[in-house]
Amino acid sequence: MEAAITNEPALYEPMRAVIERDWAQEHRQDLLADEITAFGGSRPTGIWSRPDITTVEVRTFEYVPGKHLDVNTFEIKS
């Protein structure tokens, strides 16, 4: 049996890779960006104010004019 990972930031990169590879394919997403946004630099924000991982995609639809921006956020928990 594997030991549980208790350090949440250690999960960010493996989960980002799964989101980029598997989740995007399953949801027919063509991602422009998939970033770990949990750390966000030194900007002062409140607790729980940033998602751990964020994806961005611009989509077009056959019968809907224009382009549509999709932003998905993920909270990673051990």
Protein backbone atom coordinates (compact mmCIF):
# COMPACT_ATOMS: atom_id res chain seq x y z
CA MET A 1 0.00 0.00 0.00
CA GLU A 2 1.35 3.43 -0.95
CA ALA A 3 1.80 6.09 1.69
CA ALA A 4 -0.62 9.02 1.43
CA ILE A 5 0.80 12.27 0.11
CA THR A 6 0.14 14.92 2.72
CA ASN A 7 2.04 17.73 0.98
CA GLU A 8 -0.65 19.17 -1.31
CA PRO A 9 1.78 21.21 -3.50
CA ALA A 10 3.56 17.94 -4.40
CA LEU A 11 0.35 16.93 -6.21
CA TYR A 12 0.08 20.05 -8.39
CA GLU A 13 2.44 19.07 -11.21
CA PRO A 14 1.24 15.46 -11.55
CA MET A 15 -2.39 16.65 -11.56
CA ARG A 16 -1.63 19.40 -14.09
CA ALA A 17 -0.17 16.75 -16.38
CA VAL A 18 -3.27 14.54 -16.00
CA ILE A 19 -5.56 17.50 -16.68
CA GLU A 20 -3.55 18.46 -19.76
CA ARG A 21 -3.40 14.93 -21.14
CA ASP A 22 -6.46 12.97 -19.99
CA TRP A 23 -9.09 15.44 -18.79
CA ALA A 24 -8.71 17.72 -21.81
CA GLN A 25 -9.01 14.79 -24.21
CA GLU A 26 -12.07 13.34 -22.44
CA HIS A 27 -13.81 16.73 -22.47
CA ARG A 28 -12.74 17.55 -26.05
CA GLN A 29 -10.82 20.58 -24.84
CA ASP A 30 -8.01 22.17 -26.85
CA LEU A 31 -6.27 24.04 -24.05
CA LEU A 32 -4.40 27.29 -24.67
CA ALA A 33 -2.99 27.18 -21.16
CA ASP A 34 -2.93 24.93 -18.14
CA GLU A 35 -1.10 26.54 -15.27
CA ILE A 36 -0.46 25.94 -11.60
CA THR A 37 -1.95 29.12 -10.13
CA ALA A 38 -1.88 28.21 -6.43
CA PHE A 39 1.22 30.23 -5.62
CA GLY A 40 0.49 33.41 -7.62
CA GLY A 41 3.56 35.30 -6.49
CA SER A 42 3.60 37.78 -3.65
CA ARG A 43 0.28 39.47 -4.40
CA PRO A 44 -1.67 39.95 -1.18
CA THR A 45 -4.89 37.94 -1.35
CA GLY A 46 -7.12 36.24 1.16
CA ILE A 47 -6.98 32.61 2.16
CA TRP A 48 -8.54 30.30 -0.44
CA SER A 49 -8.56 33.08 -3.02
CA ARG A 50 -6.70 31.26 -5.82
CA PRO A 51 -7.49 27.97 -7.52
CA ASP A 52 -4.66 25.43 -7.56
CA ILE A 53 -4.75 24.79 -11.32
CA THR A 54 -6.41 26.86 -14.06
CA THR A 55 -7.03 26.00 -17.72
CA VAL A 56 -8.00 28.38 -20.53
CA GLU A 57 -9.49 27.57 -23.91
CA VAL A 58 -11.05 29.54 -26.77
CA ARG A 59 -13.89 27.60 -28.41
CA THR A 60 -15.99 28.07 -31.49
CA PHE A 61 -19.29 26.38 -32.27
CA GLU A 62 -20.79 25.56 -35.63
CA TYR A 63 -24.12 27.35 -35.07
CA VAL A 64 -23.06 30.05 -32.61
CA PRO A 65 -21.22 33.12 -33.92
CA GLY A 66 -17.97 34.30 -32.39
CA LYS A 67 -15.41 32.81 -30.06
CA HIS A 68 -16.08 31.74 -26.48
CA LEU A 69 -13.60 31.74 -23.62
CA ASP A 70 -13.69 28.79 -21.22
CA VAL A 71 -11.82 29.02 -17.92
CA ASN A 72 -11.79 25.95 -15.67
CA THR A 73 -10.35 25.86 -12.19
CA PHE A 74 -9.33 22.89 -10.07
CA GLU A 75 -8.81 22.53 -6.33
CA ILE A 76 -6.36 19.74 -5.53
CA LYS A 77 -6.73 17.84 -2.26
CA SER A 78 -4.64 14.98 -0.93
